[in-house]
Amino acid sequence: MGFSIFFLVAFLISATFVVMKKELSIVENTFVYMVILAISINASWIVDEELKLINVSEDSVKYAVFLLIRSVITPMILVVQLNMLQRFNTRVQTFLVTVVSLSTLVLLRGLSSYFDILHYSKWNHGFDVIYFALLQLIAFYSYKFIHKIGEREVNYL
């Protein structure tokens, strides 16, 4: 059941990204995705395997769901969030998109805990909120970094 739900979520978020009007260029989208993917993989390795704060299921299907969440769903939600943030002008809309994205990520983490994909031993959802908020900040500033480099290159031509 967990696999089908998370596969559907991965499909929906990927389909949303494909059909939405993208405010970021393909280079910016790819760069942000890769940065978040690298940080997500390394953070999950440190938290799960090294510090043993979260136990990941040994079952192969549940582990595949864990990989799907870590490698597809989380980075894609943040890339979609950045594209939506660039479209909105007011602080209220920006705050709303950020809160919805953060809530979705925490809800998905809660669902993975419910389906026994993850088991928190020395971790809680408050740490998840902090982790995902930091990921959002890293995604935003990595976009600003690559955007600034792109502007500088274009201006010199």
C-alpha atoms as a PDB file:
ATOM      1  CA  MET A   1       0.000   0.000   0.000  1.00  0.00           C
ATOM      2  CA  GLY A   2       2.799   2.402   0.895  1.00  0.00           C
ATOM      3  CA  PHE A   3       4.603   1.813  -2.383  1.00  0.00           C
ATOM      4  CA  SER A   4       1.534   2.609  -4.459  1.00  0.00           C
ATOM      5  CA  ILE A   5       0.798   5.804  -2.514  1.00  0.00           C
ATOM      6  CA  PHE A   6       4.348   7.118  -2.740  1.00  0.00           C
ATOM      7  CA  PHE A   7       4.632   6.106  -6.387  1.00  0.00           C
ATOM      8  CA  LEU A   8       1.451   8.084  -7.063  1.00  0.00           C
ATOM      9  CA  VAL A   9       2.885  11.086  -5.193  1.00  0.00           C
ATOM     10  CA  ALA A  10       6.124  10.866  -7.193  1.00  0.00           C
ATOM     11  CA  PHE A  11       4.129  10.652 -10.414  1.00  0.00           C
ATOM     12  CA  LEU A  12       1.900  13.596  -9.477  1.00  0.00           C
ATOM     13  CA  ILE A  13       4.757  15.871  -8.441  1.00  0.00           C
ATOM     14  CA  SER A  14       6.731  14.972 -11.580  1.00  0.00           C
ATOM     15  CA  ALA A  15       3.673  15.527 -13.773  1.00  0.00           C
ATOM     16  CA  THR A  16       3.053  18.851 -12.042  1.00  0.00           C
ATOM     17  CA  PHE A  17       6.598  19.907 -12.821  1.00  0.00           C
ATOM     18  CA  VAL A  18       6.294  18.848 -16.460  1.00  0.00           C
ATOM     19  CA  VAL A  19       3.034  20.688 -17.163  1.00  0.00           C
ATOM     20  CA  MET A  20       3.609  23.834 -15.086  1.00  0.00           C
ATOM     21  CA  LYS A  21       4.922  27.059 -16.558  1.00  0.00           C
ATOM     22  CA  LYS A  22       8.521  27.098 -15.440  1.00  0.00           C
ATOM     23  CA  GLU A  23       9.952  30.385 -14.261  1.00  0.00           C
ATOM     24  CA  LEU A  24      13.456  28.924 -13.899  1.00  0.00           C
ATOM     25  CA  SER A  25      15.582  27.877 -16.855  1.00  0.00           C
ATOM     26  CA  ILE A  26      16.448  24.243 -17.430  1.00  0.00           C
ATOM     27  CA  VAL A  27      19.960  24.867 -16.115  1.00  0.00           C
ATOM     28  CA  GLU A  28      18.621  26.465 -12.925  1.00  0.00           C
ATOM     29  CA  ASN A  29      16.076  23.679 -12.394  1.00  0.00           C
ATOM     30  CA  THR A  30      18.712  20.995 -12.944  1.00  0.00           C
ATOM     31  CA  PHE A  31      21.242  22.708 -10.697  1.00  0.00           C
ATOM     32  CA  VAL A  32      18.777  23.097  -7.818  1.00  0.00           C
ATOM     33  CA  TYR A  33      17.588  19.493  -8.252  1.00  0.00           C
ATOM     34  CA  MET A  34      21.158  18.159  -8.171  1.00  0.00           C
ATOM     35  CA  VAL A  35      22.152  20.242  -5.150  1.00  0.00           C
ATOM     36  CA  ILE A  36      19.093  19.118  -3.174  1.00  0.00           C
ATOM     37  CA  LEU A  37      19.594  15.521  -4.306  1.00  0.00           C
ATOM     38  CA  ALA A  38      23.231  15.492  -3.171  1.00  0.00           C
ATOM     39  CA  ILE A  39      22.387  17.059   0.188  1.00  0.00           C
ATOM     40  CA  SER A  40      19.419  14.754   0.702  1.00  0.00           C
ATOM     41  CA  ILE A  41      21.461  11.628  -0.048  1.00  0.00           C
ATOM     42  CA  ASN A  42      24.316  12.688   2.200  1.00  0.00           C
ATOM     43  CA  ALA A  43      22.061  13.838   5.036  1.00  0.00           C
ATOM     44  CA  SER A  44      20.053  10.637   4.948  1.00  0.00           C
ATOM     45  CA  TRP A  45      23.252   8.589   4.960  1.00  0.00           C
ATOM     46  CA  ILE A  46      24.572  10.457   8.002  1.00  0.00           C
ATOM     47  CA  VAL A  47      21.276  10.394   9.918  1.00  0.00           C
ATOM     48  CA  ASP A  48      20.250   6.841   9.000  1.00  0.00           C
ATOM     49  CA  GLU A  49      23.437   4.843   8.630  1.00  0.00           C
ATOM     50  CA  GLU A  50      26.073   6.652  10.674  1.00  0.00           C
ATOM     51  CA  LEU A  51      24.201   8.170  13.618  1.00  0.00           C
ATOM     52  CA  LYS A  52      21.349   5.599  13.629  1.00  0.00           C
ATOM     53  CA  LEU A  53      18.791   8.289  14.490  1.00  0.00           C
ATOM     54  CA  ILE A  54      16.297   6.855  11.996  1.00  0.00           C
ATOM     55  CA  ASN A  55      15.967   3.187  11.112  1.00  0.00           C
ATOM     56  CA  VAL A  56      15.067   2.422   7.512  1.00  0.00           C
ATOM     57  CA  SER A  57      13.117  -0.755   6.797  1.00  0.00           C
ATOM     58  CA  GLU A  58      15.078  -3.790   5.621  1.00  0.00           C
ATOM     59  CA  ASP A  59      12.207  -4.869   3.341  1.00  0.00           C
ATOM     60  CA  SER A  60      13.179  -4.284  -0.288  1.00  0.00           C
ATOM     61  CA  VAL A  61       9.867  -2.673  -1.337  1.00  0.00           C
ATOM     62  CA  LYS A  62       9.867  -0.325   1.657  1.00  0.00           C
ATOM     63  CA  TYR A  63      13.503   0.546   1.022  1.00  0.00           C
ATOM     64  CA  ALA A  64      12.617   1.340  -2.605  1.00  0.00           C
ATOM     65  CA  VAL A  65       9.952   3.718  -1.282  1.00  0.00           C
ATOM     66  CA  PHE A  66      12.571   5.339   0.950  1.00  0.00           C
ATOM     67  CA  LEU A  67      14.803   5.847  -2.094  1.00  0.00           C
ATOM     68  CA  LEU A  68      11.865   7.254  -4.066  1.00  0.00           C
ATOM     69  CA  ILE A  69      11.123   9.785  -1.322  1.00  0.00           C
ATOM     70  CA  ARG A  70      14.746  10.767  -0.880  1.00  0.00           C
ATOM     71  CA  SER A  71      15.784  10.895  -4.519  1.00  0.00           C
ATOM     72  CA  VAL A  72      12.676  11.990  -6.423  1.00  0.00           C
ATOM     73  CA  ILE A  73       9.879  13.357  -4.276  1.00  0.00           C
ATOM     74  CA  THR A  74      11.790  15.676  -1.939  1.00  0.00           C
ATOM     75  CA  PRO A  75      13.955  17.380  -4.606  1.00  0.00           C
ATOM     76  CA  MET A  76      11.042  17.694  -7.049  1.00  0.00           C
ATOM     77  CA  ILE A  77       8.788  19.294  -4.431  1.00  0.00           C
ATOM     78  CA  LEU A  78      11.492  21.870  -3.748  1.00  0.00           C
ATOM     79  CA  VAL A  79      12.059  22.557  -7.455  1.00  0.00           C
ATOM     80  CA  VAL A  80       8.309  23.013  -8.010  1.00  0.00           C
ATOM     81  CA  GLN A  81       8.219  25.279  -4.972  1.00  0.00           C
ATOM     82  CA  LEU A  82      11.002  27.470  -6.364  1.00  0.00           C
ATOM     83  CA  ASN A  83       9.248  27.757  -9.720  1.00  0.00           C
ATOM     84  CA  MET A  84       6.054  28.816  -7.959  1.00  0.00           C
ATOM     85  CA  LEU A  85       7.886  31.297  -5.727  1.00  0.00           C
ATOM     86  CA  GLN A  86       9.288  33.072  -8.766  1.00  0.00           C
ATOM     87  CA  ARG A  87       5.787  33.514 -10.159  1.00  0.00           C
ATOM     88  CA  PHE A  88       4.260  35.117  -7.056  1.00  0.00           C
ATOM     89  CA  ASN A  89       4.914  38.704  -6.034  1.00  0.00           C
ATOM     90  CA  THR A  90       3.405  39.142  -2.569  1.00  0.00           C
ATOM     91  CA  ARG A  91       4.877  37.967   0.707  1.00  0.00           C
ATOM     92  CA  VAL A  92       1.614  36.240   1.641  1.00  0.00           C
ATOM     93  CA  GLN A  93       1.682  34.062  -1.473  1.00  0.00           C
ATOM     94  CA  THR A  94       5.364  33.301  -0.941  1.00  0.00           C
ATOM     95  CA  PHE A  95       4.745  32.373   2.676  1.00  0.00           C
ATOM     96  CA  LEU A  96       1.770  30.213   1.713  1.00  0.00           C
ATOM     97  CA  VAL A  97       3.732  28.275  -0.928  1.00  0.00           C
ATOM     98  CA  THR A  98       6.587  27.733   1.511  1.00  0.00           C
ATOM     99  CA  VAL A  99       4.281  26.517   4.291  1.00  0.00           C
ATOM    100  CA  VAL A 100       2.395  24.183   1.933  1.00  0.00           C
ATOM    101  CA  SER A 101       5.662  22.738   0.641  1.00  0.00           C
ATOM    102  CA  LEU A 102       7.031  22.259   4.148  1.00  0.00           C
ATOM    103  CA  SER A 103       3.760  20.719   5.324  1.00  0.00           C
ATOM    104  CA  THR A 104       3.706  18.344   2.374  1.00  0.00           C
ATOM    105  CA  LEU A 105       7.246  17.180   3.061  1.00  0.00           C
ATOM    106  CA  VAL A 106       6.517  16.620   6.759  1.00  0.00           C
ATOM    107  CA  LEU A 107       3.231  14.865   5.933  1.00  0.00           C
ATOM    108  CA  LEU A 108       5.035  12.524   3.549  1.00  0.00           C
ATOM    109  CA  ARG A 109       7.616  11.801   6.238  1.00  0.00           C
ATOM    110  CA  GLY A 110       4.775  11.051   8.638  1.00  0.00           C
ATOM    111  CA  LEU A 111       3.213   8.699   6.090  1.00  0.00           C
ATOM    112  CA  SER A 112       6.517   6.909   5.665  1.00  0.00           C
ATOM    113  CA  SER A 113       6.637   6.468   9.412  1.00  0.00           C
ATOM    114  CA  TYR A 114       3.027   5.208   9.394  1.00  0.00           C
ATOM    115  CA  PHE A 115       3.804   2.599   6.730  1.00  0.00           C
ATOM    116  CA  ASP A 116       6.912   1.437   8.677  1.00  0.00           C
ATOM    117  CA  ILE A 117       9.298   2.641   6.002  1.00  0.00           C
ATOM    118  CA  LEU A 118      11.069   4.740   8.631  1.00  0.00           C
ATOM    119  CA  HIS A 119      11.218   4.235  12.354  1.00  0.00           C
ATOM    120  CA  TYR A 120      12.329   7.172  14.486  1.00  0.00           C
ATOM    121  CA  SER A 121      14.595   6.028  17.293  1.00  0.00           C
ATOM    122  CA  LYS A 122      16.266   9.314  18.316  1.00  0.00           C
ATOM    123  CA  TRP A 123      14.522  11.630  15.866  1.00  0.00           C
ATOM    124  CA  ASN A 124      11.149  13.377  15.745  1.00  0.00           C
ATOM    125  CA  HIS A 125       9.012  15.412  13.387  1.00  0.00           C
ATOM    126  CA  GLY A 126      10.345  18.665  14.823  1.00  0.00           C
ATOM    127  CA  PHE A 127      13.776  17.742  13.491  1.00  0.00           C
ATOM    128  CA  ASP A 128      12.110  16.973  10.156  1.00  0.00           C
ATOM    129  CA  VAL A 129      10.631  20.475  10.048  1.00  0.00           C
ATOM    130  CA  ILE A 130      14.075  21.978  10.725  1.00  0.00           C
ATOM    131  CA  TYR A 131      15.715  19.707   8.127  1.00  0.00           C
ATOM    132  CA  PHE A 132      13.164  20.518   5.427  1.00  0.00           C
ATOM    133  CA  ALA A 133      13.264  24.248   6.239  1.00  0.00           C
ATOM    134  CA  LEU A 134      17.046  24.139   5.812  1.00  0.00           C
ATOM    135  CA  LEU A 135      16.610  22.278   2.519  1.00  0.00           C
ATOM    136  CA  GLN A 136      14.232  25.010   1.362  1.00  0.00           C
ATOM    137  CA  LEU A 137      16.780  27.682   2.241  1.00  0.00           C
ATOM    138  CA  ILE A 138      19.550  25.770   0.486  1.00  0.00           C
ATOM    139  CA  ALA A 139      17.360  25.356  -2.599  1.00  0.00           C
ATOM    140  CA  PHE A 140      16.532  29.070  -2.636  1.00  0.00           C
ATOM    141  CA  TYR A 141      20.121  30.228  -2.217  1.00  0.00           C
ATOM    142  CA  SER A 142      21.473  27.705  -4.713  1.00  0.00           C
ATOM    143  CA  TYR A 143      18.962  29.134  -7.206  1.00  0.00           C
ATOM    144  CA  LYS A 144      20.122  32.672  -6.376  1.00  0.00           C
ATOM    145  CA  PHE A 145      23.740  31.555  -6.843  1.00  0.00           C
ATOM    146  CA  ILE A 146      23.217  29.954 -10.259  1.00  0.00           C
ATOM    147  CA  HIS A 147      20.960  32.824 -11.361  1.00  0.00           C
ATOM    148  CA  LYS A 148      23.609  35.384 -10.446  1.00  0.00           C
ATOM    149  CA  ILE A 149      26.260  33.433 -12.359  1.00  0.00           C
ATOM    150  CA  GLY A 150      23.948  33.244 -15.379  1.00  0.00           C
ATOM    151  CA  GLU A 151      23.268  36.966 -15.306  1.00  0.00           C
ATOM    152  CA  ARG A 152      26.948  37.771 -15.064  1.00  0.00           C
ATOM    153  CA  GLU A 153      27.767  35.546 -18.036  1.00  0.00           C
ATOM    154  CA  VAL A 154      25.026  37.070 -20.163  1.00  0.00           C
ATOM    155  CA  ASN A 155      26.024  40.639 -19.304  1.00  0.00           C
ATOM    156  CA  TYR A 156      29.612  40.093 -20.433  1.00  0.00           C
ATOM    157  CA  LEU A 157      28.571  38.948 -23.870  1.00  0.00           C
END
